[in-house]
Amino acid sequence: MNRTGMQMSTFDSAGMARSGQPDQMPSAPGDDSMLAEVRGAYIAEADPLGSVPVPGTLHGAITTGVQVMTGNQPQLLLDKLGERMAFERTGTRLYDALITKFDTLQDQTTGMTMADLQRIRQDEARHFAMVAEAIAAMGGDPTSQTPSADVAGVEAMGLMQVLTDPRTTIAQSLHAILVAEMTDNAGWEMLIALAEDQGQGGMIPDFSVALDEERAHLQMVRNWLEEATLGKAISDGVSVDDVSDANSSQQLH
């Protein structure tokens, strides 16, 4: 039984409501000013999250050195390549987890198939390998972790927790996948723009193919999530028209 709402205890909720009146405010109201002050002190004193590693080989040093001499910023591109590689690795693992859940639950509320999931999973793994090759071609080390790659790994932890939680449904899992796919699309768009800006036009054709595939993934996941949500709403006794009206209302806002 869900007891998270204050309405579950009429007596206590009435007392809380009264304390919110101007003449019933606590004598020492709290706020987050002290917390913000402590956070600010840590921010002011903190070292950077990390650094882009210097090339570990003579070839890498020469390659990046030439880029610097031509006015480019190879370290910036290497950092964002590391971020994309980290996210594609996580994407592969997210789909591994969704495949396990889909196979176990045998959910039939969507048009999603095992073949679809396995194909997307292979796309994510191939994108990971593609970015690793691009890093190596620039003289970088694909096994090193850049600052943006570190951030991407932390960001994805919550999504992975949703997918691997045995209690989450297919619909809930697809919602987490949707967040990942939307981020993935934006990440590829930015990476393509950055590669063009840094004079790495040779990367763009492969990256554009990856972006097209990610756009297709995003559309498929959106469709599956809508099907899963409608399927659950219907099973719970909510009409399709009710859900459609709610979706239309959200789009207007």
C-alpha atoms as a PDB file:
ATOM      1  CA  MET A   1       0.000   0.000   0.000  1.00  0.00           C
ATOM      2  CA  ASN A   2       1.407   3.344  -1.083  1.00  0.00           C
ATOM      3  CA  ARG A   3       1.711   5.577   1.995  1.00  0.00           C
ATOM      4  CA  THR A   4       3.886   8.320   0.548  1.00  0.00           C
ATOM      5  CA  GLY A   5       1.275  11.093   0.427  1.00  0.00           C
ATOM      6  CA  MET A   6       0.489  13.338   3.397  1.00  0.00           C
ATOM      7  CA  GLN A   7      -3.222  12.620   2.881  1.00  0.00           C
ATOM      8  CA  MET A   8      -2.625   9.172   4.367  1.00  0.00           C
ATOM      9  CA  SER A   9      -2.557  10.825   7.803  1.00  0.00           C
ATOM     10  CA  THR A  10      -5.351  13.360   8.139  1.00  0.00           C
ATOM     11  CA  PHE A  11      -4.288  14.517  11.602  1.00  0.00           C
ATOM     12  CA  ASP A  12      -0.659  15.132  10.691  1.00  0.00           C
ATOM     13  CA  SER A  13      -1.463  16.727   7.339  1.00  0.00           C
ATOM     14  CA  ALA A  14      -3.793  19.217   9.029  1.00  0.00           C
ATOM     15  CA  GLY A  15      -1.000  20.190  11.416  1.00  0.00           C
ATOM     16  CA  MET A  16       1.441  20.648   8.569  1.00  0.00           C
ATOM     17  CA  ALA A  17      -1.074  22.806   6.698  1.00  0.00           C
ATOM     18  CA  ARG A  18      -1.532  25.012   9.746  1.00  0.00           C
ATOM     19  CA  SER A  19       2.220  25.463  10.165  1.00  0.00           C
ATOM     20  CA  GLY A  20       2.317  26.904   6.668  1.00  0.00           C
ATOM     21  CA  GLN A  21       0.196  29.900   7.663  1.00  0.00           C
ATOM     22  CA  PRO A  22       2.034  33.198   8.261  1.00  0.00           C
ATOM     23  CA  ASP A  23       1.135  33.253  11.954  1.00  0.00           C
ATOM     24  CA  GLN A  24       2.172  29.627  12.413  1.00  0.00           C
ATOM     25  CA  MET A  25       5.587  29.675  10.787  1.00  0.00           C
ATOM     26  CA  PRO A  26       8.417  28.008  12.721  1.00  0.00           C
ATOM     27  CA  SER A  27      10.535  30.382  14.787  1.00  0.00           C
ATOM     28  CA  ALA A  28      13.667  29.364  12.848  1.00  0.00           C
ATOM     29  CA  PRO A  29      12.647  28.673   9.223  1.00  0.00           C
ATOM     30  CA  GLY A  30      15.226  26.703   7.296  1.00  0.00           C
ATOM     31  CA  ASP A  31      16.487  27.211   3.770  1.00  0.00           C
ATOM     32  CA  ASP A  32      19.318  25.948   1.622  1.00  0.00           C
ATOM     33  CA  SER A  33      21.593  28.979   2.048  1.00  0.00           C
ATOM     34  CA  MET A  34      24.091  27.180   4.279  1.00  0.00           C
ATOM     35  CA  LEU A  35      24.123  24.182   1.968  1.00  0.00           C
ATOM     36  CA  ALA A  36      24.755  26.476  -0.995  1.00  0.00           C
ATOM     37  CA  GLU A  37      27.576  28.163   0.930  1.00  0.00           C
ATOM     38  CA  VAL A  38      29.289  24.838   1.610  1.00  0.00           C
ATOM     39  CA  ARG A  39      28.855  23.737  -1.989  1.00  0.00           C
ATOM     40  CA  GLY A  40      30.252  27.043  -3.180  1.00  0.00           C
ATOM     41  CA  ALA A  41      33.362  26.580  -1.051  1.00  0.00           C
ATOM     42  CA  TYR A  42      33.956  23.125  -2.498  1.00  0.00           C
ATOM     43  CA  ILE A  43      33.432  24.408  -6.037  1.00  0.00           C
ATOM     44  CA  ALA A  44      35.903  27.259  -5.517  1.00  0.00           C
ATOM     45  CA  GLU A  45      38.592  24.924  -4.176  1.00  0.00           C
ATOM     46  CA  ALA A  46      38.033  21.907  -6.427  1.00  0.00           C
ATOM     47  CA  ASP A  47      40.525  20.669  -8.988  1.00  0.00           C
ATOM     48  CA  PRO A  48      39.289  19.924 -12.520  1.00  0.00           C
ATOM     49  CA  LEU A  49      37.406  16.660 -12.987  1.00  0.00           C
ATOM     50  CA  GLY A  50      40.263  15.292 -15.035  1.00  0.00           C
ATOM     51  CA  SER A  51      42.401  15.960 -18.075  1.00  0.00           C
ATOM     52  CA  VAL A  52      42.702  14.667 -21.602  1.00  0.00           C
ATOM     53  CA  PRO A  53      45.746  12.365 -21.600  1.00  0.00           C
ATOM     54  CA  VAL A  54      48.730  13.276 -23.700  1.00  0.00           C
ATOM     55  CA  PRO A  55      49.503  10.920 -26.608  1.00  0.00           C
ATOM     56  CA  GLY A  56      51.371   7.854 -25.426  1.00  0.00           C
ATOM     57  CA  THR A  57      53.124   7.173 -28.725  1.00  0.00           C
ATOM     58  CA  LEU A  58      55.429   9.111 -31.049  1.00  0.00           C
ATOM     59  CA  HIS A  59      52.853   8.855 -33.823  1.00  0.00           C
ATOM     60  CA  GLY A  60      50.182  10.285 -31.551  1.00  0.00           C
ATOM     61  CA  ALA A  61      52.413  13.163 -30.442  1.00  0.00           C
ATOM     62  CA  ILE A  62      53.215  14.061 -34.052  1.00  0.00           C
ATOM     63  CA  THR A  63      49.575  13.819 -35.137  1.00  0.00           C
ATOM     64  CA  THR A  64      48.229  16.029 -32.377  1.00  0.00           C
ATOM     65  CA  GLY A  65      51.178  18.388 -32.709  1.00  0.00           C
ATOM     66  CA  VAL A  66      50.399  18.974 -36.372  1.00  0.00           C
ATOM     67  CA  GLN A  67      46.774  19.672 -35.457  1.00  0.00           C
ATOM     68  CA  VAL A  68      47.801  22.250 -32.875  1.00  0.00           C
ATOM     69  CA  MET A  69      50.134  23.953 -35.366  1.00  0.00           C
ATOM     70  CA  THR A  70      47.235  24.339 -37.824  1.00  0.00           C
ATOM     71  CA  GLY A  71      45.169  26.126 -35.198  1.00  0.00           C
ATOM     72  CA  ASN A  72      42.947  23.226 -34.164  1.00  0.00           C
ATOM     73  CA  GLN A  73      42.234  21.895 -30.677  1.00  0.00           C
ATOM     74  CA  PRO A  74      42.725  18.121 -30.894  1.00  0.00           C
ATOM     75  CA  GLN A  75      42.374  17.719 -27.126  1.00  0.00           C
ATOM     76  CA  LEU A  76      38.849  19.122 -27.283  1.00  0.00           C
ATOM     77  CA  LEU A  77      37.817  16.705 -30.018  1.00  0.00           C
ATOM     78  CA  LEU A  78      39.492  13.786 -28.250  1.00  0.00           C
ATOM     79  CA  ASP A  79      37.588  14.630 -25.089  1.00  0.00           C
ATOM     80  CA  LYS A  80      34.232  14.584 -26.904  1.00  0.00           C
ATOM     81  CA  LEU A  81      35.169  11.427 -28.781  1.00  0.00           C
ATOM     82  CA  GLY A  82      35.875   9.820 -25.425  1.00  0.00           C
ATOM     83  CA  GLU A  83      32.465  10.969 -24.202  1.00  0.00           C
ATOM     84  CA  ARG A  84      30.712   9.450 -27.224  1.00  0.00           C
ATOM     85  CA  MET A  85      32.604   6.187 -26.873  1.00  0.00           C
ATOM     86  CA  ALA A  86      31.664   5.948 -23.195  1.00  0.00           C
ATOM     87  CA  PHE A  87      28.015   6.619 -23.976  1.00  0.00           C
ATOM     88  CA  GLU A  88      27.918   4.057 -26.798  1.00  0.00           C
ATOM     89  CA  ARG A  89      29.431   1.476 -24.455  1.00  0.00           C
ATOM     90  CA  THR A  90      26.700   2.227 -21.936  1.00  0.00           C
ATOM     91  CA  GLY A  91      24.091   2.096 -24.695  1.00  0.00           C
ATOM     92  CA  THR A  92      25.213  -1.424 -25.543  1.00  0.00           C
ATOM     93  CA  ARG A  93      24.826  -2.454 -21.904  1.00  0.00           C
ATOM     94  CA  LEU A  94      21.414  -0.774 -21.635  1.00  0.00           C
ATOM     95  CA  TYR A  95      20.134  -2.835 -24.531  1.00  0.00           C
ATOM     96  CA  ASP A  96      21.699  -5.967 -23.048  1.00  0.00           C
ATOM     97  CA  ALA A  97      19.632  -5.325 -19.932  1.00  0.00           C
ATOM     98  CA  LEU A  98      16.463  -4.589 -21.929  1.00  0.00           C
ATOM     99  CA  ILE A  99      16.928  -7.779 -23.942  1.00  0.00           C
ATOM    100  CA  THR A 100      17.109  -9.800 -20.713  1.00  0.00           C
ATOM    101  CA  LYS A 101      13.989  -8.117 -19.325  1.00  0.00           C
ATOM    102  CA  PHE A 102      12.058  -8.500 -22.574  1.00  0.00           C
ATOM    103  CA  ASP A 103      13.009 -12.165 -22.852  1.00  0.00           C
ATOM    104  CA  THR A 104      12.014 -12.834 -19.237  1.00  0.00           C
ATOM    105  CA  LEU A 105       8.718 -10.948 -19.182  1.00  0.00           C
ATOM    106  CA  GLN A 106       7.584 -11.974 -22.660  1.00  0.00           C
ATOM    107  CA  ASP A 107       5.730  -8.660 -22.815  1.00  0.00           C
ATOM    108  CA  GLN A 108       3.324  -8.413 -25.744  1.00  0.00           C
ATOM    109  CA  THR A 109       2.103  -4.829 -25.298  1.00  0.00           C
ATOM    110  CA  THR A 110       4.378  -3.464 -28.036  1.00  0.00           C
ATOM    111  CA  GLY A 111       5.502  -4.331 -31.528  1.00  0.00           C
ATOM    112  CA  MET A 112       9.043  -4.654 -30.199  1.00  0.00           C
ATOM    113  CA  THR A 113      10.783  -7.887 -31.152  1.00  0.00           C
ATOM    114  CA  MET A 114      13.937  -9.597 -29.976  1.00  0.00           C
ATOM    115  CA  ALA A 115      15.398  -9.131 -33.462  1.00  0.00           C
ATOM    116  CA  ASP A 116      14.813  -5.370 -33.202  1.00  0.00           C
ATOM    117  CA  LEU A 117      16.582  -5.141 -29.855  1.00  0.00           C
ATOM    118  CA  GLN A 118      19.505  -7.264 -30.947  1.00  0.00           C
ATOM    119  CA  ARG A 119      19.952  -5.186 -34.100  1.00  0.00           C
ATOM    120  CA  ILE A 120      20.000  -1.924 -32.142  1.00  0.00           C
ATOM    121  CA  ARG A 121      22.367  -3.449 -29.624  1.00  0.00           C
ATOM    122  CA  GLN A 122      24.758  -4.356 -32.445  1.00  0.00           C
ATOM    123  CA  ASP A 123      24.498  -0.819 -33.831  1.00  0.00           C
ATOM    124  CA  GLU A 124      25.519   0.599 -30.451  1.00  0.00           C
ATOM    125  CA  ALA A 125      28.478  -1.779 -30.221  1.00  0.00           C
ATOM    126  CA  ARG A 126      29.545  -0.882 -33.763  1.00  0.00           C
ATOM    127  CA  HIS A 127      29.323   2.826 -32.971  1.00  0.00           C
ATOM    128  CA  PHE A 128      31.551   2.241 -29.949  1.00  0.00           C
ATOM    129  CA  ALA A 129      34.181   0.542 -32.138  1.00  0.00           C
ATOM    130  CA  MET A 130      33.890   3.293 -34.764  1.00  0.00           C
ATOM    131  CA  VAL A 131      34.660   6.026 -32.243  1.00  0.00           C
ATOM    132  CA  ALA A 132      37.556   4.012 -30.827  1.00  0.00           C
ATOM    133  CA  GLU A 133      39.043   3.839 -34.314  1.00  0.00           C
ATOM    134  CA  ALA A 134      38.599   7.591 -34.752  1.00  0.00           C
ATOM    135  CA  ILE A 135      40.446   8.247 -31.500  1.00  0.00           C
ATOM    136  CA  ALA A 136      43.301   5.976 -32.567  1.00  0.00           C
ATOM    137  CA  ALA A 137      43.462   7.697 -35.968  1.00  0.00           C
ATOM    138  CA  MET A 138      44.016  11.011 -34.183  1.00  0.00           C
ATOM    139  CA  GLY A 139      46.856   9.508 -32.179  1.00  0.00           C
ATOM    140  CA  GLY A 140      44.858   9.128 -28.977  1.00  0.00           C
ATOM    141  CA  ASP A 141      44.456   6.139 -26.699  1.00  0.00           C
ATOM    142  CA  PRO A 142      40.901   4.705 -26.844  1.00  0.00           C
ATOM    143  CA  THR A 143      41.410   2.982 -23.491  1.00  0.00           C
ATOM    144  CA  SER A 144      42.016   6.227 -21.589  1.00  0.00           C
ATOM    145  CA  GLN A 145      39.201   8.070 -19.842  1.00  0.00           C
ATOM    146  CA  THR A 146      38.678  11.715 -20.669  1.00  0.00           C
ATOM    147  CA  PRO A 147      36.822  14.190 -18.426  1.00  0.00           C
ATOM    148  CA  SER A 148      33.679  14.158 -20.593  1.00  0.00           C
ATOM    149  CA  ALA A 149      33.768  10.365 -20.706  1.00  0.00           C
ATOM    150  CA  ASP A 150      33.859  10.347 -16.909  1.00  0.00           C
ATOM    151  CA  VAL A 151      30.808  12.614 -16.765  1.00  0.00           C
ATOM    152  CA  ALA A 152      28.938  10.506 -19.314  1.00  0.00           C
ATOM    153  CA  GLY A 153      29.531   7.403 -17.231  1.00  0.00           C
ATOM    154  CA  VAL A 154      28.121   9.033 -14.108  1.00  0.00           C
ATOM    155  CA  GLU A 155      25.124  10.399 -16.024  1.00  0.00           C
ATOM    156  CA  ALA A 156      24.247   6.967 -17.338  1.00  0.00           C
ATOM    157  CA  MET A 157      24.320   5.269 -13.931  1.00  0.00           C
ATOM    158  CA  GLY A 158      20.704   6.186 -13.187  1.00  0.00           C
ATOM    159  CA  LEU A 159      19.521   4.837 -16.536  1.00  0.00           C
ATOM    160  CA  MET A 160      21.327   1.563 -15.931  1.00  0.00           C
ATOM    161  CA  GLN A 161      19.765   1.274 -12.487  1.00  0.00           C
ATOM    162  CA  VAL A 162      16.299   1.587 -14.035  1.00  0.00           C
ATOM    163  CA  LEU A 163      16.991  -1.111 -16.614  1.00  0.00           C
ATOM    164  CA  THR A 164      18.561  -3.562 -14.179  1.00  0.00           C
ATOM    165  CA  ASP A 165      15.975  -3.091 -11.428  1.00  0.00           C
ATOM    166  CA  PRO A 166      13.942  -6.341 -11.477  1.00  0.00           C
ATOM    167  CA  ARG A 167      10.801  -4.436 -10.483  1.00  0.00           C
ATOM    168  CA  THR A 168      10.648  -2.087 -13.473  1.00  0.00           C
ATOM    169  CA  THR A 169       8.257  -2.826 -16.320  1.00  0.00           C
ATOM    170  CA  ILE A 170       8.941  -2.784 -20.039  1.00  0.00           C
ATOM    171  CA  ALA A 171       7.286   0.634 -20.257  1.00  0.00           C
ATOM    172  CA  GLN A 172       9.430   2.034 -17.459  1.00  0.00           C
ATOM    173  CA  SER A 173      12.549   0.548 -19.019  1.00  0.00           C
ATOM    174  CA  LEU A 174      11.681   2.040 -22.406  1.00  0.00           C
ATOM    175  CA  HIS A 175      11.318   5.451 -20.781  1.00  0.00           C
ATOM    176  CA  ALA A 176      14.919   5.208 -19.580  1.00  0.00           C
ATOM    177  CA  ILE A 177      16.018   4.018 -23.033  1.00  0.00           C
ATOM    178  CA  LEU A 178      14.234   7.018 -24.558  1.00  0.00           C
ATOM    179  CA  VAL A 179      16.283   9.365 -22.369  1.00  0.00           C
ATOM    180  CA  ALA A 180      19.462   7.635 -23.564  1.00  0.00           C
ATOM    181  CA  GLU A 181      18.468   7.771 -27.236  1.00  0.00           C
ATOM    182  CA  MET A 182      17.579  11.461 -27.096  1.00  0.00           C
ATOM    183  CA  THR A 183      20.954  12.201 -25.512  1.00  0.00           C
ATOM    184  CA  ASP A 184      22.659   9.975 -28.072  1.00  0.00           C
ATOM    185  CA  ASN A 185      21.141  11.877 -30.989  1.00  0.00           C
ATOM    186  CA  ALA A 186      22.210  15.242 -29.576  1.00  0.00           C
ATOM    187  CA  GLY A 187      25.687  13.875 -28.867  1.00  0.00           C
ATOM    188  CA  TRP A 188      26.248  12.703 -32.444  1.00  0.00           C
ATOM    189  CA  GLU A 189      24.989  15.999 -33.855  1.00  0.00           C
ATOM    190  CA  MET A 190      27.452  17.918 -31.677  1.00  0.00           C
ATOM    191  CA  LEU A 191      30.315  15.558 -32.495  1.00  0.00           C
ATOM    192  CA  ILE A 192      29.768  15.943 -36.237  1.00  0.00           C
ATOM    193  CA  ALA A 193      29.758  19.727 -35.911  1.00  0.00           C
ATOM    194  CA  LEU A 194      32.928  19.617 -33.804  1.00  0.00           C
ATOM    195  CA  ALA A 195      34.729  17.280 -36.227  1.00  0.00           C
ATOM    196  CA  GLU A 196      33.915  19.646 -39.087  1.00  0.00           C
ATOM    197  CA  ASP A 197      35.130  22.632 -37.066  1.00  0.00           C
ATOM    198  CA  GLN A 198      38.386  20.863 -36.228  1.00  0.00           C
ATOM    199  CA  GLY A 199      39.142  19.918 -39.815  1.00  0.00           C
ATOM    200  CA  GLN A 200      38.419  16.215 -39.380  1.00  0.00           C
ATOM    201  CA  GLY A 201      36.139  15.863 -42.385  1.00  0.00           C
ATOM    202  CA  GLY A 202      37.158  12.249 -42.868  1.00  0.00           C
ATOM    203  CA  MET A 203      35.191  11.278 -39.757  1.00  0.00           C
ATOM    204  CA  ILE A 204      31.944  12.899 -40.845  1.00  0.00           C
ATOM    205  CA  PRO A 205      30.601  10.261 -43.302  1.00  0.00           C
ATOM    206  CA  ASP A 206      30.783   7.449 -40.723  1.00  0.00           C
ATOM    207  CA  PHE A 207      29.463   9.692 -37.976  1.00  0.00           C
ATOM    208  CA  SER A 208      26.546  10.768 -40.189  1.00  0.00           C
ATOM    209  CA  VAL A 209      25.607   7.139 -40.755  1.00  0.00           C
ATOM    210  CA  ALA A 210      25.675   6.597 -36.997  1.00  0.00           C
ATOM    211  CA  LEU A 211      23.433   9.646 -36.487  1.00  0.00           C
ATOM    212  CA  ASP A 212      20.918   8.337 -39.034  1.00  0.00           C
ATOM    213  CA  GLU A 213      20.848   4.997 -37.233  1.00  0.00           C
ATOM    214  CA  GLU A 214      20.401   6.677 -33.864  1.00  0.00           C
ATOM    215  CA  ARG A 215      17.517   8.721 -35.236  1.00  0.00           C
ATOM    216  CA  ALA A 216      15.874   5.499 -36.352  1.00  0.00           C
ATOM    217  CA  HIS A 217      16.453   4.007 -32.887  1.00  0.00           C
ATOM    218  CA  LEU A 218      14.846   7.037 -31.275  1.00  0.00           C
ATOM    219  CA  GLN A 219      11.724   6.784 -33.418  1.00  0.00           C
ATOM    220  CA  MET A 220      11.363   3.064 -32.731  1.00  0.00           C
ATOM    221  CA  VAL A 221      11.734   3.534 -28.981  1.00  0.00           C
ATOM    222  CA  ARG A 222       9.192   6.366 -28.999  1.00  0.00           C
ATOM    223  CA  ASN A 223       6.704   4.132 -30.785  1.00  0.00           C
ATOM    224  CA  TRP A 224       7.299   1.230 -28.409  1.00  0.00           C
ATOM    225  CA  LEU A 225       6.944   3.432 -25.358  1.00  0.00           C
ATOM    226  CA  GLU A 226       3.650   4.808 -26.642  1.00  0.00           C
ATOM    227  CA  GLU A 227       2.400   1.288 -27.342  1.00  0.00           C
ATOM    228  CA  ALA A 228       3.486   0.072 -23.906  1.00  0.00           C
ATOM    229  CA  THR A 229       1.847   3.045 -22.197  1.00  0.00           C
ATOM    230  CA  LEU A 230      -1.399   2.641 -24.135  1.00  0.00           C
ATOM    231  CA  GLY A 231      -1.361  -1.098 -23.518  1.00  0.00           C
ATOM    232  CA  LYS A 232      -1.072  -0.602 -19.762  1.00  0.00           C
ATOM    233  CA  ALA A 233      -3.704   2.146 -19.775  1.00  0.00           C
ATOM    234  CA  ILE A 234      -6.151  -0.114 -21.580  1.00  0.00           C
ATOM    235  CA  SER A 235      -5.468  -3.004 -19.228  1.00  0.00           C
ATOM    236  CA  ASP A 236      -6.053  -0.642 -16.290  1.00  0.00           C
ATOM    237  CA  GLY A 237      -9.398   0.399 -17.692  1.00  0.00           C
ATOM    238  CA  VAL A 238      -8.415   3.738 -19.254  1.00  0.00           C
ATOM    239  CA  SER A 239      -9.683   4.288 -22.781  1.00  0.00           C
ATOM    240  CA  VAL A 240      -7.354   5.022 -25.694  1.00  0.00           C
ATOM    241  CA  ASP A 241      -9.215   8.304 -26.246  1.00  0.00           C
ATOM    242  CA  ASP A 242      -8.457   9.387 -22.672  1.00  0.00           C
ATOM    243  CA  VAL A 243      -4.737   8.752 -23.139  1.00  0.00           C
ATOM    244  CA  SER A 244      -4.721  10.464 -26.543  1.00  0.00           C
ATOM    245  CA  ASP A 245      -6.450  13.507 -25.081  1.00  0.00           C
ATOM    246  CA  ALA A 246      -3.853  13.639 -22.287  1.00  0.00           C
ATOM    247  CA  ASN A 247      -0.992  13.383 -24.777  1.00  0.00           C
ATOM    248  CA  SER A 248      -2.492  16.155 -26.896  1.00  0.00           C
ATOM    249  CA  SER A 249      -2.813  18.362 -23.835  1.00  0.00           C
ATOM    250  CA  GLN A 250       0.858  17.793 -22.923  1.00  0.00           C
ATOM    251  CA  GLN A 251       1.967  18.656 -26.462  1.00  0.00           C
ATOM    252  CA  LEU A 252       0.054  21.945 -26.306  1.00  0.00           C
ATOM    253  CA  HIS A 253       2.004  22.894 -23.191  1.00  0.00           C
END
